[in-house]
Amino acid sequence: MRAIRLHNRKEVLYESDVPIPSLGPNDVLLRIHATAVIAPELTWPETHTTRSGTPRPFPIPGHDLSGTIAALGTSIPSSFPYKIGDEVFALTAFSRDGAEAEYAIALPAEIAPKPQTLNHIQAAAVPLSALTAWQALFDHAGLDPLDHGRNVGKRVLITGAAGGVGIFAVQLAHWAGIHVIGTASTRNVDFIRSLGADEAIDYTTVSFADTIRNADIVFDCVGGDTLARCWDVVKQDGGVLISVAQPASLEVAKQHPGVKRVWPIVSPNGEQLGQIRQLVDKGMIRPEVETVMRLEDANKAFELGGKGHTRGKIVLEVLEELPD
């Protein structure tokens, strides 16, 4: 099969012909239609090692995927709710080879039905970003995804609100019933309003640190100087500061003992992804695809993603879709 592999020492991607992954008894083999680019993953330790910590030479990146079930392991129970040919999407573990290939392995607990309202390219833009936002807001920040009345009156500031994670953070926070403030560039101010932001701050002309105080939740998707300014914005007694771009400084955190500091590492979760799929199909949330490229253009795609300032996701098309 065709696959994109990472030259570990040079951090260069190249196309290679490799065997279809071996199917373990508890594995699901997926035919990949599309996979979204996760720009930082080329340097993550998980990309270069197995779960046991042994080196993984020439790994295949890409763990945001949409595709169809190609085969089931011999120990998959008959109660498994999917059959060969079913359309699914998933975030798979970073300690295994990924989906920038014609086939990839997933675990049953990682997959969910692909949203019926999305094609494979759009669906591939959902799992990692939406799960990151879901787990940050509901698992770590304490918002209630079932009883939205418990969330009313709270405010969240989301920096980088037009980025891959930011767009889902805005939409999920809006769906959860809280007041959403987002930062974005001039071209994206109206866009994040369309996603549900109650206030949109153009960071090219206004510093959010000059206008916002006592936010119950600050969800930083930018890092660097932006993250440093977030400490003055979050409520100092019981506020939550979430940073997905980089871990917040422990030394700075000691100066703000009343703030809960969270650096969430997203986990594959098919059950949560199924809830997200329902919201997509109900029109409550949607992905945004900035650019679609072919699999062989992976180097260009990662280079573009590494520059930042994209609206939503960059997606690699693995299996060309026929027009409707």
C-alpha atoms as a PDB file:
ATOM      1  CA  MET A   1       0.000   0.000   0.000  1.00  0.00           C
ATOM      2  CA  ARG A   2       1.011   3.638  -0.399  1.00  0.00           C
ATOM      3  CA  ALA A   3       2.050   5.344   2.809  1.00  0.00           C
ATOM      4  CA  ILE A   4       3.792   8.480   4.011  1.00  0.00           C
ATOM      5  CA  ARG A   5       6.688   7.772   6.369  1.00  0.00           C
ATOM      6  CA  LEU A   6       8.798  10.027   8.530  1.00  0.00           C
ATOM      7  CA  HIS A   7      12.573   9.941   8.274  1.00  0.00           C
ATOM      8  CA  ASN A   8      13.301  10.176  11.999  1.00  0.00           C
ATOM      9  CA  ARG A   9      16.642  11.938  11.820  1.00  0.00           C
ATOM     10  CA  LYS A  10      15.760  14.461   9.125  1.00  0.00           C
ATOM     11  CA  GLU A  11      12.076  14.998   9.999  1.00  0.00           C
ATOM     12  CA  VAL A  12      11.301  14.685   6.296  1.00  0.00           C
ATOM     13  CA  LEU A  13       8.248  12.866   4.970  1.00  0.00           C
ATOM     14  CA  TYR A  14       8.482  10.568   1.976  1.00  0.00           C
ATOM     15  CA  GLU A  15       6.111   8.262   0.116  1.00  0.00           C
ATOM     16  CA  SER A  16       6.813   4.548   0.318  1.00  0.00           C
ATOM     17  CA  ASP A  17       5.255   1.226  -0.634  1.00  0.00           C
ATOM     18  CA  VAL A  18       4.694  -0.778   2.566  1.00  0.00           C
ATOM     19  CA  PRO A  19       2.691  -3.884   3.522  1.00  0.00           C
ATOM     20  CA  ILE A  20      -0.893  -3.512   4.661  1.00  0.00           C
ATOM     21  CA  PRO A  21      -0.829  -3.531   8.496  1.00  0.00           C
ATOM     22  CA  SER A  22      -1.135  -6.926  10.142  1.00  0.00           C
ATOM     23  CA  LEU A  23      -4.550  -7.393  11.705  1.00  0.00           C
ATOM     24  CA  GLY A  24      -4.448  -8.467  15.340  1.00  0.00           C
ATOM     25  CA  PRO A  25      -7.340 -10.407  16.876  1.00  0.00           C
ATOM     26  CA  ASN A  26      -8.769  -7.296  18.571  1.00  0.00           C
ATOM     27  CA  ASP A  27      -8.007  -4.849  15.754  1.00  0.00           C
ATOM     28  CA  VAL A  28     -10.099  -3.180  13.081  1.00  0.00           C
ATOM     29  CA  LEU A  29      -8.511  -2.579   9.674  1.00  0.00           C
ATOM     30  CA  LEU A  30      -9.671   0.648   8.033  1.00  0.00           C
ATOM     31  CA  ARG A  31      -9.514   1.716   4.400  1.00  0.00           C
ATOM     32  CA  ILE A  32      -8.496   5.350   4.708  1.00  0.00           C
ATOM     33  CA  HIS A  33     -10.309   7.932   2.604  1.00  0.00           C
ATOM     34  CA  ALA A  34      -8.930  11.095   4.231  1.00  0.00           C
ATOM     35  CA  THR A  35      -6.706  12.145   7.113  1.00  0.00           C
ATOM     36  CA  ALA A  36      -6.181  15.561   8.683  1.00  0.00           C
ATOM     37  CA  VAL A  37      -2.751  17.076   9.255  1.00  0.00           C
ATOM     38  CA  ILE A  38      -1.635  17.405  12.880  1.00  0.00           C
ATOM     39  CA  ALA A  39       1.332  19.705  12.336  1.00  0.00           C
ATOM     40  CA  PRO A  40       3.198  19.266  15.670  1.00  0.00           C
ATOM     41  CA  GLU A  41       3.058  15.466  15.724  1.00  0.00           C
ATOM     42  CA  LEU A  42       6.287  14.982  13.776  1.00  0.00           C
ATOM     43  CA  THR A  43       8.265  16.057  16.855  1.00  0.00           C
ATOM     44  CA  TRP A  44       6.147  14.366  19.531  1.00  0.00           C
ATOM     45  CA  PRO A  45       7.909  11.543  21.432  1.00  0.00           C
ATOM     46  CA  GLU A  46       4.852   9.325  20.884  1.00  0.00           C
ATOM     47  CA  THR A  47       5.417   9.522  17.138  1.00  0.00           C
ATOM     48  CA  HIS A  48       8.845   7.941  17.438  1.00  0.00           C
ATOM     49  CA  THR A  49       8.213   5.268  20.092  1.00  0.00           C
ATOM     50  CA  THR A  50       5.801   2.430  20.734  1.00  0.00           C
ATOM     51  CA  ARG A  51       3.574   2.293  23.807  1.00  0.00           C
ATOM     52  CA  SER A  52       6.280   0.235  25.542  1.00  0.00           C
ATOM     53  CA  GLY A  53       8.884   2.909  24.781  1.00  0.00           C
ATOM     54  CA  THR A  54      10.868   1.089  22.106  1.00  0.00           C
ATOM     55  CA  PRO A  55      11.941   3.121  19.037  1.00  0.00           C
ATOM     56  CA  ARG A  56       9.564   3.071  16.069  1.00  0.00           C
ATOM     57  CA  PRO A  57      11.615   3.669  12.912  1.00  0.00           C
ATOM     58  CA  PHE A  58      10.080   5.492   9.955  1.00  0.00           C
ATOM     59  CA  PRO A  59       6.629   5.968  11.517  1.00  0.00           C
ATOM     60  CA  ILE A  60       3.507   6.735   9.514  1.00  0.00           C
ATOM     61  CA  PRO A  61       1.891   9.955  10.826  1.00  0.00           C
ATOM     62  CA  GLY A  62      -1.751  11.010  10.732  1.00  0.00           C
ATOM     63  CA  HIS A  63      -4.249   9.931  13.406  1.00  0.00           C
ATOM     64  CA  ASP A  64      -7.309  11.993  12.439  1.00  0.00           C
ATOM     65  CA  LEU A  65      -9.105   9.823   9.900  1.00  0.00           C
ATOM     66  CA  SER A  66     -12.248   8.985   8.014  1.00  0.00           C
ATOM     67  CA  GLY A  67     -12.739   5.792   6.054  1.00  0.00           C
ATOM     68  CA  THR A  68     -14.464   2.427   5.834  1.00  0.00           C
ATOM     69  CA  ILE A  69     -14.064  -0.844   7.694  1.00  0.00           C
ATOM     70  CA  ALA A  70     -11.990  -3.265   5.624  1.00  0.00           C
ATOM     71  CA  ALA A  71     -11.554  -6.212   8.014  1.00  0.00           C
ATOM     72  CA  LEU A  72     -12.247  -7.275  11.599  1.00  0.00           C
ATOM     73  CA  GLY A  73      -9.947  -9.193  13.934  1.00  0.00           C
ATOM     74  CA  THR A  74     -10.909 -12.734  14.854  1.00  0.00           C
ATOM     75  CA  SER A  75     -11.699 -11.802  18.474  1.00  0.00           C
ATOM     76  CA  ILE A  76     -14.030  -8.921  17.634  1.00  0.00           C
ATOM     77  CA  PRO A  77     -17.381 -10.015  19.146  1.00  0.00           C
ATOM     78  CA  SER A  78     -20.511 -10.517  17.072  1.00  0.00           C
ATOM     79  CA  SER A  79     -22.105  -7.689  19.069  1.00  0.00           C
ATOM     80  CA  PHE A  80     -19.659  -5.207  17.516  1.00  0.00           C
ATOM     81  CA  PRO A  81     -21.975  -2.636  15.884  1.00  0.00           C
ATOM     82  CA  TYR A  82     -20.047  -2.294  12.622  1.00  0.00           C
ATOM     83  CA  LYS A  83     -19.584  -4.469   9.568  1.00  0.00           C
ATOM     84  CA  ILE A  84     -17.184  -4.441   6.632  1.00  0.00           C
ATOM     85  CA  GLY A  85     -17.886  -1.444   4.411  1.00  0.00           C
ATOM     86  CA  ASP A  86     -19.352   0.777   7.138  1.00  0.00           C
ATOM     87  CA  GLU A  87     -18.197   4.398   7.123  1.00  0.00           C
ATOM     88  CA  VAL A  88     -16.446   5.460  10.321  1.00  0.00           C
ATOM     89  CA  PHE A  89     -14.144   8.167  11.645  1.00  0.00           C
ATOM     90  CA  ALA A  90     -11.657   8.063  14.472  1.00  0.00           C
ATOM     91  CA  LEU A  91      -8.743   9.444  16.393  1.00  0.00           C
ATOM     92  CA  THR A  92      -6.213   6.629  16.810  1.00  0.00           C
ATOM     93  CA  ALA A  93      -3.402   6.310  19.348  1.00  0.00           C
ATOM     94  CA  PHE A  94      -0.191   8.154  18.519  1.00  0.00           C
ATOM     95  CA  SER A  95       1.916   5.191  19.631  1.00  0.00           C
ATOM     96  CA  ARG A  96       0.830   3.238  16.531  1.00  0.00           C
ATOM     97  CA  ASP A  97       1.326   3.957  12.853  1.00  0.00           C
ATOM     98  CA  GLY A  98      -1.228   6.422  11.566  1.00  0.00           C
ATOM     99  CA  ALA A  99      -3.548   7.072   8.665  1.00  0.00           C
ATOM    100  CA  GLU A 100      -1.379   8.767   6.048  1.00  0.00           C
ATOM    101  CA  ALA A 101      -1.647   5.516   4.176  1.00  0.00           C
ATOM    102  CA  GLU A 102      -4.205   3.487   2.267  1.00  0.00           C
ATOM    103  CA  TYR A 103      -4.918   1.334   5.334  1.00  0.00           C
ATOM    104  CA  ALA A 104      -4.524   1.753   9.096  1.00  0.00           C
ATOM    105  CA  ILE A 105      -5.323  -0.142  12.280  1.00  0.00           C
ATOM    106  CA  ALA A 106      -7.805   1.169  14.846  1.00  0.00           C
ATOM    107  CA  LEU A 107      -9.136  -0.263  18.079  1.00  0.00           C
ATOM    108  CA  PRO A 108     -12.895  -0.793  18.449  1.00  0.00           C
ATOM    109  CA  ALA A 109     -13.073   1.796  21.257  1.00  0.00           C
ATOM    110  CA  GLU A 110     -11.549   4.476  19.012  1.00  0.00           C
ATOM    111  CA  ILE A 111     -14.093   4.547  16.196  1.00  0.00           C
ATOM    112  CA  ALA A 112     -17.538   6.052  15.718  1.00  0.00           C
ATOM    113  CA  PRO A 113     -19.974   6.230  12.793  1.00  0.00           C
ATOM    114  CA  LYS A 114     -18.989   8.908  10.297  1.00  0.00           C
ATOM    115  CA  PRO A 115     -21.436  11.836  10.354  1.00  0.00           C
ATOM    116  CA  GLN A 116     -23.986  11.339   7.597  1.00  0.00           C
ATOM    117  CA  THR A 117     -23.958  15.044   6.780  1.00  0.00           C
ATOM    118  CA  LEU A 118     -20.213  15.135   6.044  1.00  0.00           C
ATOM    119  CA  ASN A 119     -18.061  13.655   3.315  1.00  0.00           C
ATOM    120  CA  HIS A 120     -14.845  11.877   4.260  1.00  0.00           C
ATOM    121  CA  ILE A 121     -12.680  14.975   3.813  1.00  0.00           C
ATOM    122  CA  GLN A 122     -14.866  17.000   6.157  1.00  0.00           C
ATOM    123  CA  ALA A 123     -15.185  14.137   8.642  1.00  0.00           C
ATOM    124  CA  ALA A 124     -11.402  13.711   8.875  1.00  0.00           C
ATOM    125  CA  ALA A 125     -11.183  17.298  10.158  1.00  0.00           C
ATOM    126  CA  VAL A 126     -13.246  16.486  13.241  1.00  0.00           C
ATOM    127  CA  PRO A 127     -11.825  13.836  15.632  1.00  0.00           C
ATOM    128  CA  LEU A 128      -8.673  15.251  17.246  1.00  0.00           C
ATOM    129  CA  SER A 129      -9.802  18.872  17.358  1.00  0.00           C
ATOM    130  CA  ALA A 130     -13.326  18.150  18.534  1.00  0.00           C
ATOM    131  CA  LEU A 131     -12.211  15.594  21.124  1.00  0.00           C
ATOM    132  CA  THR A 132      -9.566  18.005  22.429  1.00  0.00           C
ATOM    133  CA  ALA A 133     -12.210  20.699  22.893  1.00  0.00           C
ATOM    134  CA  TRP A 134     -14.762  18.261  24.349  1.00  0.00           C
ATOM    135  CA  GLN A 135     -12.380  16.773  26.898  1.00  0.00           C
ATOM    136  CA  ALA A 136     -10.997  20.181  27.873  1.00  0.00           C
ATOM    137  CA  LEU A 137     -14.395  21.776  28.432  1.00  0.00           C
ATOM    138  CA  PHE A 138     -16.362  18.875  29.907  1.00  0.00           C
ATOM    139  CA  ASP A 139     -13.758  16.597  31.507  1.00  0.00           C
ATOM    140  CA  HIS A 140     -11.326  19.242  32.794  1.00  0.00           C
ATOM    141  CA  ALA A 141     -13.158  22.582  33.045  1.00  0.00           C
ATOM    142  CA  GLY A 142     -16.252  21.078  34.634  1.00  0.00           C
ATOM    143  CA  LEU A 143     -18.930  22.146  32.167  1.00  0.00           C
ATOM    144  CA  ASP A 144     -21.933  19.827  32.052  1.00  0.00           C
ATOM    145  CA  PRO A 145     -22.712  18.393  28.594  1.00  0.00           C
ATOM    146  CA  LEU A 146     -26.072  17.050  29.771  1.00  0.00           C
ATOM    147  CA  ASP A 147     -27.557  19.801  31.957  1.00  0.00           C
ATOM    148  CA  HIS A 148     -26.729  23.085  30.260  1.00  0.00           C
ATOM    149  CA  GLY A 149     -28.598  24.992  32.941  1.00  0.00           C
ATOM    150  CA  ARG A 150     -25.682  24.339  35.284  1.00  0.00           C
ATOM    151  CA  ASN A 151     -23.379  26.199  32.878  1.00  0.00           C
ATOM    152  CA  VAL A 152     -25.420  29.383  32.512  1.00  0.00           C
ATOM    153  CA  GLY A 153     -23.695  32.538  33.741  1.00  0.00           C
ATOM    154  CA  LYS A 154     -20.169  31.314  33.056  1.00  0.00           C
ATOM    155  CA  ARG A 155     -17.794  32.941  30.580  1.00  0.00           C
ATOM    156  CA  VAL A 156     -15.013  31.410  28.530  1.00  0.00           C
ATOM    157  CA  LEU A 157     -12.247  33.180  26.621  1.00  0.00           C
ATOM    158  CA  ILE A 158     -10.897  31.154  23.684  1.00  0.00           C
ATOM    159  CA  THR A 159      -7.681  32.352  22.048  1.00  0.00           C
ATOM    160  CA  GLY A 160      -6.960  31.217  18.514  1.00  0.00           C
ATOM    161  CA  ALA A 161     -10.679  30.668  18.091  1.00  0.00           C
ATOM    162  CA  ALA A 162     -10.489  30.159  14.311  1.00  0.00           C
ATOM    163  CA  GLY A 163      -7.876  27.390  14.496  1.00  0.00           C
ATOM    164  CA  GLY A 164      -8.400  23.634  14.381  1.00  0.00           C
ATOM    165  CA  VAL A 165      -9.219  23.219  18.084  1.00  0.00           C
ATOM    166  CA  GLY A 166     -10.571  26.726  18.569  1.00  0.00           C
ATOM    167  CA  ILE A 167     -13.479  26.357  16.162  1.00  0.00           C
ATOM    168  CA  PHE A 168     -14.789  23.353  18.096  1.00  0.00           C
ATOM    169  CA  ALA A 169     -14.135  24.999  21.454  1.00  0.00           C
ATOM    170  CA  VAL A 170     -16.285  27.956  20.375  1.00  0.00           C
ATOM    171  CA  GLN A 171     -19.094  25.765  19.074  1.00  0.00           C
ATOM    172  CA  LEU A 172     -19.152  23.344  21.996  1.00  0.00           C
ATOM    173  CA  ALA A 173     -18.999  26.133  24.576  1.00  0.00           C
ATOM    174  CA  HIS A 174     -21.848  27.927  22.791  1.00  0.00           C
ATOM    175  CA  TRP A 175     -23.845  24.680  22.667  1.00  0.00           C
ATOM    176  CA  ALA A 176     -23.205  24.191  26.401  1.00  0.00           C
ATOM    177  CA  GLY A 177     -24.884  27.513  27.126  1.00  0.00           C
ATOM    178  CA  ILE A 178     -22.041  29.738  28.317  1.00  0.00           C
ATOM    179  CA  HIS A 179     -20.914  33.177  27.174  1.00  0.00           C
ATOM    180  CA  VAL A 180     -18.169  32.760  24.568  1.00  0.00           C
ATOM    181  CA  ILE A 181     -15.428  35.312  23.893  1.00  0.00           C
ATOM    182  CA  GLY A 182     -13.027  34.486  21.070  1.00  0.00           C
ATOM    183  CA  THR A 183      -9.890  36.056  19.643  1.00  0.00           C
ATOM    184  CA  ALA A 184      -9.101  35.925  15.935  1.00  0.00           C
ATOM    185  CA  SER A 185      -7.466  37.860  13.127  1.00  0.00           C
ATOM    186  CA  THR A 186      -9.404  40.493  11.208  1.00  0.00           C
ATOM    187  CA  ARG A 187     -10.440  38.069   8.454  1.00  0.00           C
ATOM    188  CA  ASN A 188     -11.815  35.590  11.000  1.00  0.00           C
ATOM    189  CA  VAL A 189     -13.754  37.864  13.363  1.00  0.00           C
ATOM    190  CA  ASP A 190     -17.064  37.411  11.541  1.00  0.00           C
ATOM    191  CA  PHE A 191     -16.297  33.725  11.067  1.00  0.00           C
ATOM    192  CA  ILE A 192     -16.015  32.987  14.795  1.00  0.00           C
ATOM    193  CA  ARG A 193     -19.193  34.971  15.403  1.00  0.00           C
ATOM    194  CA  SER A 194     -20.907  32.625  12.944  1.00  0.00           C
ATOM    195  CA  LEU A 195     -19.697  29.700  15.069  1.00  0.00           C
ATOM    196  CA  GLY A 196     -21.378  31.102  18.175  1.00  0.00           C
ATOM    197  CA  ALA A 197     -18.935  33.554  19.740  1.00  0.00           C
ATOM    198  CA  ASP A 198     -20.865  36.203  21.685  1.00  0.00           C
ATOM    199  CA  GLU A 199     -17.860  38.520  21.553  1.00  0.00           C
ATOM    200  CA  ALA A 200     -15.121  38.467  18.922  1.00  0.00           C
ATOM    201  CA  ILE A 201     -11.850  40.285  19.598  1.00  0.00           C
ATOM    202  CA  ASP A 202      -9.587  41.205  16.692  1.00  0.00           C
ATOM    203  CA  TYR A 203      -6.174  40.523  18.201  1.00  0.00           C
ATOM    204  CA  THR A 204      -4.474  42.644  15.536  1.00  0.00           C
ATOM    205  CA  THR A 205      -6.062  45.794  16.974  1.00  0.00           C
ATOM    206  CA  VAL A 206      -7.092  44.975  20.568  1.00  0.00           C
ATOM    207  CA  SER A 207      -5.359  43.076  23.381  1.00  0.00           C
ATOM    208  CA  PHE A 208      -7.806  40.813  25.182  1.00  0.00           C
ATOM    209  CA  ALA A 209      -5.779  41.343  28.366  1.00  0.00           C
ATOM    210  CA  ASP A 210      -6.839  44.999  28.344  1.00  0.00           C
ATOM    211  CA  THR A 211     -10.556  44.269  28.116  1.00  0.00           C
ATOM    212  CA  ILE A 212     -11.339  40.921  29.761  1.00  0.00           C
ATOM    213  CA  ARG A 213     -11.223  40.043  33.461  1.00  0.00           C
ATOM    214  CA  ASN A 214     -12.525  37.223  35.670  1.00  0.00           C
ATOM    215  CA  ALA A 215     -13.271  34.696  32.938  1.00  0.00           C
ATOM    216  CA  ASP A 216     -14.386  31.419  34.494  1.00  0.00           C
ATOM    217  CA  ILE A 217     -12.482  29.481  31.837  1.00  0.00           C
ATOM    218  CA  VAL A 218      -9.621  30.564  29.606  1.00  0.00           C
ATOM    219  CA  PHE A 219      -8.976  28.143  26.747  1.00  0.00           C
ATOM    220  CA  ASP A 220      -5.652  29.018  25.114  1.00  0.00           C
ATOM    221  CA  CYS A 221      -4.948  27.546  21.678  1.00  0.00           C
ATOM    222  CA  VAL A 222      -1.970  29.790  20.872  1.00  0.00           C
ATOM    223  CA  GLY A 223       0.721  29.568  23.567  1.00  0.00           C
ATOM    224  CA  GLY A 224       3.735  31.851  23.989  1.00  0.00           C
ATOM    225  CA  ASP A 225       3.025  35.466  24.891  1.00  0.00           C
ATOM    226  CA  THR A 226      -0.697  34.863  24.477  1.00  0.00           C
ATOM    227  CA  LEU A 227      -0.638  32.187  27.165  1.00  0.00           C
ATOM    228  CA  ALA A 228       1.371  34.474  29.459  1.00  0.00           C
ATOM    229  CA  ARG A 229      -1.353  37.150  29.222  1.00  0.00           C
ATOM    230  CA  CYS A 230      -4.090  34.630  30.016  1.00  0.00           C
ATOM    231  CA  TRP A 231      -3.128  34.526  33.702  1.00  0.00           C
ATOM    232  CA  ASP A 232      -4.389  38.088  34.221  1.00  0.00           C
ATOM    233  CA  VAL A 233      -7.695  37.316  32.523  1.00  0.00           C
ATOM    234  CA  VAL A 234      -8.806  34.131  34.284  1.00  0.00           C
ATOM    235  CA  LYS A 235     -10.748  34.333  37.540  1.00  0.00           C
ATOM    236  CA  GLN A 236      -8.172  34.088  40.331  1.00  0.00           C
ATOM    237  CA  ASP A 237     -10.445  32.248  42.749  1.00  0.00           C
ATOM    238  CA  GLY A 238     -11.707  29.077  41.100  1.00  0.00           C
ATOM    239  CA  GLY A 239     -10.959  29.848  37.456  1.00  0.00           C
ATOM    240  CA  VAL A 240      -9.627  27.268  34.994  1.00  0.00           C
ATOM    241  CA  LEU A 241      -6.769  27.938  32.569  1.00  0.00           C
ATOM    242  CA  ILE A 242      -6.534  25.363  29.784  1.00  0.00           C
ATOM    243  CA  SER A 243      -3.588  25.425  27.411  1.00  0.00           C
ATOM    244  CA  VAL A 244      -3.472  23.032  24.468  1.00  0.00           C
ATOM    245  CA  ALA A 245      -0.584  24.699  22.630  1.00  0.00           C
ATOM    246  CA  GLN A 246       2.011  24.230  25.373  1.00  0.00           C
ATOM    247  CA  PRO A 247       2.073  23.548  29.125  1.00  0.00           C
ATOM    248  CA  ALA A 248       1.540  26.607  31.275  1.00  0.00           C
ATOM    249  CA  SER A 249       4.588  27.606  33.339  1.00  0.00           C
ATOM    250  CA  LEU A 250       4.688  25.926  36.740  1.00  0.00           C
ATOM    251  CA  GLU A 251       6.548  28.913  38.170  1.00  0.00           C
ATOM    252  CA  VAL A 252       3.863  31.308  36.943  1.00  0.00           C
ATOM    253  CA  ALA A 253       1.155  28.949  38.165  1.00  0.00           C
ATOM    254  CA  LYS A 254       2.544  29.197  41.707  1.00  0.00           C
ATOM    255  CA  GLN A 255       1.747  32.919  41.604  1.00  0.00           C
ATOM    256  CA  HIS A 256      -1.913  32.085  40.895  1.00  0.00           C
ATOM    257  CA  PRO A 257      -2.789  29.374  43.447  1.00  0.00           C
ATOM    258  CA  GLY A 258      -6.521  29.844  42.981  1.00  0.00           C
ATOM    259  CA  VAL A 259      -6.397  28.949  39.286  1.00  0.00           C
ATOM    260  CA  LYS A 260      -6.697  25.364  38.085  1.00  0.00           C
ATOM    261  CA  ARG A 261      -3.994  24.829  35.462  1.00  0.00           C
ATOM    262  CA  VAL A 262      -4.741  22.189  32.800  1.00  0.00           C
ATOM    263  CA  TRP A 263      -2.603  20.941  29.930  1.00  0.00           C
ATOM    264  CA  PRO A 264      -4.893  18.268  28.472  1.00  0.00           C
ATOM    265  CA  ILE A 265      -3.503  15.464  26.335  1.00  0.00           C
ATOM    266  CA  VAL A 266      -6.327  14.291  24.112  1.00  0.00           C
ATOM    267  CA  SER A 267      -7.284  10.631  24.316  1.00  0.00           C
ATOM    268  CA  PRO A 268      -8.998   8.588  21.595  1.00  0.00           C
ATOM    269  CA  ASN A 269     -12.595   8.019  22.657  1.00  0.00           C
ATOM    270  CA  GLY A 270     -15.163   6.518  20.316  1.00  0.00           C
ATOM    271  CA  GLU A 271     -18.033   7.096  22.749  1.00  0.00           C
ATOM    272  CA  GLN A 272     -17.373  10.833  22.975  1.00  0.00           C
ATOM    273  CA  LEU A 273     -16.795  10.950  19.227  1.00  0.00           C
ATOM    274  CA  GLY A 274     -20.232   9.387  18.784  1.00  0.00           C
ATOM    275  CA  GLN A 275     -21.757  12.237  20.808  1.00  0.00           C
ATOM    276  CA  ILE A 276     -19.867  14.727  18.662  1.00  0.00           C
ATOM    277  CA  ARG A 277     -21.146  12.976  15.532  1.00  0.00           C
ATOM    278  CA  GLN A 278     -24.724  13.469  16.713  1.00  0.00           C
ATOM    279  CA  LEU A 279     -24.118  17.197  17.205  1.00  0.00           C
ATOM    280  CA  VAL A 280     -22.638  17.434  13.710  1.00  0.00           C
ATOM    281  CA  ASP A 281     -25.608  15.672  12.125  1.00  0.00           C
ATOM    282  CA  LYS A 282     -28.019  17.918  14.051  1.00  0.00           C
ATOM    283  CA  GLY A 283     -26.250  20.985  12.680  1.00  0.00           C
ATOM    284  CA  MET A 284     -25.066  22.118  16.108  1.00  0.00           C
ATOM    285  CA  ILE A 285     -21.345  22.022  15.238  1.00  0.00           C
ATOM    286  CA  ARG A 286     -19.381  21.810  12.010  1.00  0.00           C
ATOM    287  CA  PRO A 287     -15.774  21.377  10.885  1.00  0.00           C
ATOM    288  CA  GLU A 288     -13.855  23.844   8.767  1.00  0.00           C
ATOM    289  CA  VAL A 289     -11.421  22.638   6.100  1.00  0.00           C
ATOM    290  CA  GLU A 290      -8.913  25.250   4.968  1.00  0.00           C
ATOM    291  CA  THR A 291      -7.070  23.218   2.332  1.00  0.00           C
ATOM    292  CA  VAL A 292      -7.286  19.775   0.725  1.00  0.00           C
ATOM    293  CA  MET A 293      -4.126  18.172  -0.665  1.00  0.00           C
ATOM    294  CA  ARG A 294      -3.204  14.784  -2.062  1.00  0.00           C
ATOM    295  CA  LEU A 295      -1.379  12.209   0.023  1.00  0.00           C
ATOM    296  CA  GLU A 296       1.863  12.703  -1.892  1.00  0.00           C
ATOM    297  CA  ASP A 297       1.841  16.390  -0.907  1.00  0.00           C
ATOM    298  CA  ALA A 298       2.249  15.602   2.799  1.00  0.00           C
ATOM    299  CA  ASN A 299       5.464  17.609   3.148  1.00  0.00           C
ATOM    300  CA  LYS A 300       3.773  20.723   1.752  1.00  0.00           C
ATOM    301  CA  ALA A 301       0.761  20.147   3.980  1.00  0.00           C
ATOM    302  CA  PHE A 302       2.836  19.897   7.161  1.00  0.00           C
ATOM    303  CA  GLU A 303       4.860  22.936   6.148  1.00  0.00           C
ATOM    304  CA  LEU A 304       1.662  24.925   5.670  1.00  0.00           C
ATOM    305  CA  GLY A 305       0.225  23.673   8.957  1.00  0.00           C
ATOM    306  CA  GLY A 306       3.407  24.560  10.802  1.00  0.00           C
ATOM    307  CA  LYS A 307       3.057  28.206   9.801  1.00  0.00           C
ATOM    308  CA  GLY A 308      -0.176  28.520  11.779  1.00  0.00           C
ATOM    309  CA  HIS A 309      -2.936  31.047  11.111  1.00  0.00           C
ATOM    310  CA  THR A 310      -5.023  28.515   9.179  1.00  0.00           C
ATOM    311  CA  ARG A 311      -8.789  28.524   9.493  1.00  0.00           C
ATOM    312  CA  GLY A 312      -9.677  25.032  10.600  1.00  0.00           C
ATOM    313  CA  LYS A 313      -7.813  22.007   9.261  1.00  0.00           C
ATOM    314  CA  ILE A 314      -5.616  20.881   6.381  1.00  0.00           C
ATOM    315  CA  VAL A 315      -6.747  17.502   5.036  1.00  0.00           C
ATOM    316  CA  LEU A 316      -4.950  14.930   2.896  1.00  0.00           C
ATOM    317  CA  GLU A 317      -7.183  13.049   0.465  1.00  0.00           C
ATOM    318  CA  VAL A 318      -6.051   9.417   0.361  1.00  0.00           C
ATOM    319  CA  LEU A 319      -8.833   7.825  -1.691  1.00  0.00           C
ATOM    320  CA  GLU A 320     -10.334  10.204  -4.213  1.00  0.00           C
ATOM    321  CA  GLU A 321     -14.066  10.554  -3.729  1.00  0.00           C
ATOM    322  CA  LEU A 322     -16.391  10.249  -6.686  1.00  0.00           C
ATOM    323  CA  PRO A 323     -18.629  13.282  -7.298  1.00  0.00           C
ATOM    324  CA  ASP A 324     -22.221  12.985  -6.118  1.00  0.00           C
END
